[in-house]
Amino acid sequence: MDDNLTTTTGGGLASNAADDRETAPMSPFSARAAGIGFAVLVVGLVVVFGIPVVLG
């Protein structure tokens, strides 16, 4: 059996069946990356909720 067979995924995209891929939640991340994500969350919440409350 050939380990380098090309298969199609559910969306019809070709992928290499031998790839060792990780999904994003399984990837390691640093405290710095988590802090940046939290800062982006805070800015997004301010834009979505803070600005309408101030202007409303």
PDB file of N, CA and C in Angstrom:
ATOM      1  N   MET A   1       0.844  -1.181   0.000  1.00  0.00           N
ATOM      2  CA  MET A   1       0.000   0.000   0.000  1.00  0.00           C
ATOM      3  C   MET A   1       0.891   1.247   0.000  1.00  0.00           C
ATOM      4  N   ASP A   2       0.543   2.244  -0.769  1.00  0.00           N
ATOM      5  CA  ASP A   2       1.340   3.460  -0.889  1.00  0.00           C
ATOM      6  C   ASP A   2       0.969   4.439   0.230  1.00  0.00           C
ATOM      7  N   ASP A   3       1.976   4.883   1.011  1.00  0.00           N
ATOM      8  CA  ASP A   3       1.716   5.807   2.114  1.00  0.00           C
ATOM      9  C   ASP A   3       1.474   7.232   1.646  1.00  0.00           C
ATOM     10  N   ASN A   4       1.770   7.533   0.404  1.00  0.00           N
ATOM     11  CA  ASN A   4       1.626   8.897  -0.096  1.00  0.00           C
ATOM     12  C   ASN A   4       0.413   9.057  -0.997  1.00  0.00           C
ATOM     13  N   LEU A   5      -0.646   8.367  -0.674  1.00  0.00           N
ATOM     14  CA  LEU A   5      -1.866   8.479  -1.469  1.00  0.00           C
ATOM     15  C   LEU A   5      -2.495   9.846  -1.264  1.00  0.00           C
ATOM     16  N   THR A   6      -3.035  10.393  -2.330  1.00  0.00           N
ATOM     17  CA  THR A   6      -3.758  11.655  -2.236  1.00  0.00           C
ATOM     18  C   THR A   6      -5.233  11.334  -2.074  1.00  0.00           C
ATOM     19  N   THR A   7      -5.828  11.889  -1.044  1.00  0.00           N
ATOM     20  CA  THR A   7      -7.244  11.674  -0.795  1.00  0.00           C
ATOM     21  C   THR A   7      -7.967  13.003  -0.855  1.00  0.00           C
ATOM     22  N   THR A   8      -9.262  12.948  -0.944  1.00  0.00           N
ATOM     23  CA  THR A   8     -10.039  14.181  -0.903  1.00  0.00           C
ATOM     24  C   THR A   8     -10.757  14.261   0.420  1.00  0.00           C
ATOM     25  N   THR A   9     -10.821  15.463   0.950  1.00  0.00           N
ATOM     26  CA  THR A   9     -11.522  15.678   2.210  1.00  0.00           C
ATOM     27  C   THR A   9     -12.985  15.956   1.914  1.00  0.00           C
ATOM     28  N   GLY A  10     -13.769  16.181   2.937  1.00  0.00           N
ATOM     29  CA  GLY A  10     -15.202  16.431   2.772  1.00  0.00           C
ATOM     30  C   GLY A  10     -15.513  17.595   1.862  1.00  0.00           C
ATOM     31  N   GLY A  11     -14.644  18.589   1.815  1.00  0.00           N
ATOM     32  CA  GLY A  11     -14.880  19.749   0.965  1.00  0.00           C
ATOM     33  C   GLY A  11     -14.386  19.558  -0.448  1.00  0.00           C
ATOM     34  N   GLY A  12     -13.863  18.370  -0.763  1.00  0.00           N
ATOM     35  CA  GLY A  12     -13.382  18.104  -2.101  1.00  0.00           C
ATOM     36  C   GLY A  12     -11.956  18.573  -2.343  1.00  0.00           C
ATOM     37  N   LEU A  13     -11.249  18.984  -1.299  1.00  0.00           N
ATOM     38  CA  LEU A  13      -9.878  19.449  -1.440  1.00  0.00           C
ATOM     39  C   LEU A  13      -8.930  18.265  -1.329  1.00  0.00           C
ATOM     40  N   ALA A  14      -7.927  18.240  -2.181  1.00  0.00           N
ATOM     41  CA  ALA A  14      -6.957  17.151  -2.133  1.00  0.00           C
ATOM     42  C   ALA A  14      -5.991  17.370  -0.982  1.00  0.00           C
ATOM     43  N   SER A  15      -5.674  16.326  -0.280  1.00  0.00           N
ATOM     44  CA  SER A  15      -4.709  16.410   0.809  1.00  0.00           C
ATOM     45  C   SER A  15      -3.840  15.166   0.797  1.00  0.00           C
ATOM     46  N   ASN A  16      -2.672  15.282   1.362  1.00  0.00           N
ATOM     47  CA  ASN A  16      -1.761  14.150   1.448  1.00  0.00           C
ATOM     48  C   ASN A  16      -2.118  13.348   2.687  1.00  0.00           C
ATOM     49  N   ALA A  17      -2.443  12.080   2.510  1.00  0.00           N
ATOM     50  CA  ALA A  17      -2.895  11.244   3.624  1.00  0.00           C
ATOM     51  C   ALA A  17      -1.795  10.992   4.643  1.00  0.00           C
ATOM     52  N   ALA A  18      -0.525  11.185   4.275  1.00  0.00           N
ATOM     53  CA  ALA A  18       0.579  10.909   5.185  1.00  0.00           C
ATOM     54  C   ALA A  18       0.958  12.112   6.046  1.00  0.00           C
ATOM     55  N   ASP A  19       0.303  13.255   5.867  1.00  0.00           N
ATOM     56  CA  ASP A  19       0.632  14.454   6.645  1.00  0.00           C
ATOM     57  C   ASP A  19       0.310  14.257   8.123  1.00  0.00           C
ATOM     58  N   ASP A  20       1.242  14.699   8.980  1.00  0.00           N
ATOM     59  CA  ASP A  20       0.990  14.708  10.421  1.00  0.00           C
ATOM     60  C   ASP A  20       0.608  16.123  10.805  1.00  0.00           C
ATOM     61  N   ARG A  21      -0.646  16.424  10.764  1.00  0.00           N
ATOM     62  CA  ARG A  21      -1.107  17.785  11.035  1.00  0.00           C
ATOM     63  C   ARG A  21      -1.741  17.845  12.413  1.00  0.00           C
ATOM     64  N   GLU A  22      -1.657  19.030  13.020  1.00  0.00           N
ATOM     65  CA  GLU A  22      -2.314  19.289  14.295  1.00  0.00           C
ATOM     66  C   GLU A  22      -3.408  20.304  14.079  1.00  0.00           C
ATOM     67  N   THR A  23      -4.454  20.190  14.857  1.00  0.00           N
ATOM     68  CA  THR A  23      -5.475  21.228  14.826  1.00  0.00           C
ATOM     69  C   THR A  23      -5.032  22.362  15.744  1.00  0.00           C
ATOM     70  N   ALA A  24      -5.543  23.539  15.528  1.00  0.00           N
ATOM     71  CA  ALA A  24      -5.096  24.717  16.264  1.00  0.00           C
ATOM     72  C   ALA A  24      -5.224  24.577  17.789  1.00  0.00           C
ATOM     73  N   PRO A  25      -6.324  24.058  18.325  1.00  0.00           N
ATOM     74  CA  PRO A  25      -6.414  23.962  19.788  1.00  0.00           C
ATOM     75  C   PRO A  25      -5.354  23.046  20.405  1.00  0.00           C
ATOM     76  N   MET A  26      -4.777  22.152  19.622  1.00  0.00           N
ATOM     77  CA  MET A  26      -3.772  21.240  20.150  1.00  0.00           C
ATOM     78  C   MET A  26      -2.370  21.837  20.091  1.00  0.00           C
ATOM     79  N   SER A  27      -2.190  22.922  19.365  1.00  0.00           N
ATOM     80  CA  SER A  27      -0.873  23.519  19.216  1.00  0.00           C
ATOM     81  C   SER A  27      -0.459  24.213  20.514  1.00  0.00           C
ATOM     82  N   PRO A  28       0.807  24.122  20.872  1.00  0.00           N
ATOM     83  CA  PRO A  28       1.262  24.811  22.080  1.00  0.00           C
ATOM     84  C   PRO A  28       1.262  26.322  21.883  1.00  0.00           C
ATOM     85  N   PHE A  29       1.026  27.050  22.943  1.00  0.00           N
ATOM     86  CA  PHE A  29       1.053  28.507  22.872  1.00  0.00           C
ATOM     87  C   PHE A  29       1.690  29.037  24.141  1.00  0.00           C
ATOM     88  N   SER A  30       2.249  30.235  24.032  1.00  0.00           N
ATOM     89  CA  SER A  30       2.948  30.833  25.163  1.00  0.00           C
ATOM     90  C   SER A  30       2.004  31.744  25.945  1.00  0.00           C
ATOM     91  N   ALA A  31       2.453  32.172  27.105  1.00  0.00           N
ATOM     92  CA  ALA A  31       1.673  33.121  27.902  1.00  0.00           C
ATOM     93  C   ALA A  31       1.550  34.442  27.154  1.00  0.00           C
ATOM     94  N   ARG A  32       2.586  34.803  26.392  1.00  0.00           N
ATOM     95  CA  ARG A  32       2.537  36.042  25.601  1.00  0.00           C
ATOM     96  C   ARG A  32       1.422  35.958  24.558  1.00  0.00           C
ATOM     97  N   ALA A  33       1.311  34.829  23.861  1.00  0.00           N
ATOM     98  CA  ALA A  33       0.261  34.654  22.856  1.00  0.00           C
ATOM     99  C   ALA A  33      -1.127  34.697  23.504  1.00  0.00           C
ATOM    100  N   ALA A  34      -1.258  34.102  24.682  1.00  0.00           N
ATOM    101  CA  ALA A  34      -2.534  34.140  25.391  1.00  0.00           C
ATOM    102  C   ALA A  34      -2.872  35.569  25.810  1.00  0.00           C
ATOM    103  N   GLY A  35      -1.871  36.323  26.231  1.00  0.00           N
ATOM    104  CA  GLY A  35      -2.091  37.715  26.613  1.00  0.00           C
ATOM    105  C   GLY A  35      -2.515  38.572  25.437  1.00  0.00           C
ATOM    106  N   ILE A  36      -1.894  38.342  24.287  1.00  0.00           N
ATOM    107  CA  ILE A  36      -2.285  39.087  23.083  1.00  0.00           C
ATOM    108  C   ILE A  36      -3.716  38.738  22.696  1.00  0.00           C
ATOM    109  N   GLY A  37      -4.063  37.480  22.781  1.00  0.00           N
ATOM    110  CA  GLY A  37      -5.440  37.064  22.485  1.00  0.00           C
ATOM    111  C   GLY A  37      -6.440  37.709  23.425  1.00  0.00           C
ATOM    112  N   PHE A  38      -6.091  37.786  24.699  1.00  0.00           N
ATOM    113  CA  PHE A  38      -6.974  38.426  25.674  1.00  0.00           C
ATOM    114  C   PHE A  38      -7.120  39.913  25.376  1.00  0.00           C
ATOM    115  N   ALA A  39      -6.027  40.576  24.998  1.00  0.00           N
ATOM    116  CA  ALA A  39      -6.088  42.003  24.654  1.00  0.00           C
ATOM    117  C   ALA A  39      -6.978  42.228  23.438  1.00  0.00           C
ATOM    118  N   VAL A  40      -6.880  41.354  22.459  1.00  0.00           N
ATOM    119  CA  VAL A  40      -7.741  41.458  21.270  1.00  0.00           C
ATOM    120  C   VAL A  40      -9.201  41.269  21.666  1.00  0.00           C
ATOM    121  N   LEU A  41      -9.461  40.338  22.578  1.00  0.00           N
ATOM    122  CA  LEU A  41     -10.822  40.129  23.080  1.00  0.00           C
ATOM    123  C   LEU A  41     -11.363  41.388  23.741  1.00  0.00           C
ATOM    124  N   VAL A  42     -10.565  42.009  24.595  1.00  0.00           N
ATOM    125  CA  VAL A  42     -10.999  43.213  25.305  1.00  0.00           C
ATOM    126  C   VAL A  42     -11.299  44.343  24.314  1.00  0.00           C
ATOM    127  N   VAL A  43     -10.421  44.543  23.347  1.00  0.00           N
ATOM    128  CA  VAL A  43     -10.651  45.594  22.344  1.00  0.00           C
ATOM    129  C   VAL A  43     -11.934  45.303  21.564  1.00  0.00           C
ATOM    130  N   GLY A  44     -12.144  44.060  21.188  1.00  0.00           N
ATOM    131  CA  GLY A  44     -13.363  43.690  20.466  1.00  0.00           C
ATOM    132  C   GLY A  44     -14.616  43.935  21.284  1.00  0.00           C
ATOM    133  N   LEU A  45     -14.578  43.596  22.572  1.00  0.00           N
ATOM    134  CA  LEU A  45     -15.745  43.832  23.431  1.00  0.00           C
ATOM    135  C   LEU A  45     -16.022  45.318  23.602  1.00  0.00           C
ATOM    136  N   VAL A  46     -14.960  46.117  23.690  1.00  0.00           N
ATOM    137  CA  VAL A  46     -15.142  47.566  23.799  1.00  0.00           C
ATOM    138  C   VAL A  46     -15.785  48.108  22.533  1.00  0.00           C
ATOM    139  N   VAL A  47     -15.339  47.636  21.389  1.00  0.00           N
ATOM    140  CA  VAL A  47     -15.908  48.106  20.119  1.00  0.00           C
ATOM    141  C   VAL A  47     -17.370  47.684  20.000  1.00  0.00           C
ATOM    142  N   VAL A  48     -17.661  46.439  20.330  1.00  0.00           N
ATOM    143  CA  VAL A  48     -19.015  45.903  20.140  1.00  0.00           C
ATOM    144  C   VAL A  48     -19.992  46.462  21.171  1.00  0.00           C
ATOM    145  N   PHE A  49     -19.589  46.578  22.421  1.00  0.00           N
ATOM    146  CA  PHE A  49     -20.524  46.971  23.468  1.00  0.00           C
ATOM    147  C   PHE A  49     -20.263  48.386  24.006  1.00  0.00           C
ATOM    148  N   GLY A  50     -19.016  48.770  24.151  1.00  0.00           N
ATOM    149  CA  GLY A  50     -18.693  50.055  24.759  1.00  0.00           C
ATOM    150  C   GLY A  50     -19.096  51.245  23.915  1.00  0.00           C
ATOM    151  N   ILE A  51     -18.757  51.228  22.648  1.00  0.00           N
ATOM    152  CA  ILE A  51     -19.076  52.357  21.771  1.00  0.00           C
ATOM    153  C   ILE A  51     -20.592  52.564  21.655  1.00  0.00           C
ATOM    154  N   PRO A  52     -21.410  51.524  21.416  1.00  0.00           N
ATOM    155  CA  PRO A  52     -22.856  51.768  21.370  1.00  0.00           C
ATOM    156  C   PRO A  52     -23.436  52.298  22.675  1.00  0.00           C
ATOM    157  N   VAL A  53     -22.893  51.861  23.816  1.00  0.00           N
ATOM    158  CA  VAL A  53     -23.392  52.353  25.104  1.00  0.00           C
ATOM    159  C   VAL A  53     -23.051  53.837  25.269  1.00  0.00           C
ATOM    160  N   VAL A  54     -21.837  54.219  24.879  1.00  0.00           N
ATOM    161  CA  VAL A  54     -21.415  55.616  24.997  1.00  0.00           C
ATOM    162  C   VAL A  54     -22.207  56.496  24.040  1.00  0.00           C
ATOM    163  N   LEU A  55     -22.436  56.045  22.827  1.00  0.00           N
ATOM    164  CA  LEU A  55     -23.133  56.846  21.820  1.00  0.00           C
ATOM    165  C   LEU A  55     -24.656  56.765  21.967  1.00  0.00           C
ATOM    166  N   GLY A  56     -25.141  55.787  22.675  1.00  0.00           N
ATOM    167  CA  GLY A  56     -26.590  55.570  22.771  1.00  0.00           C
ATOM    168  C   GLY A  56     -27.159  56.293  23.893  1.00  0.00           C
TER     169      GLY A  56
END
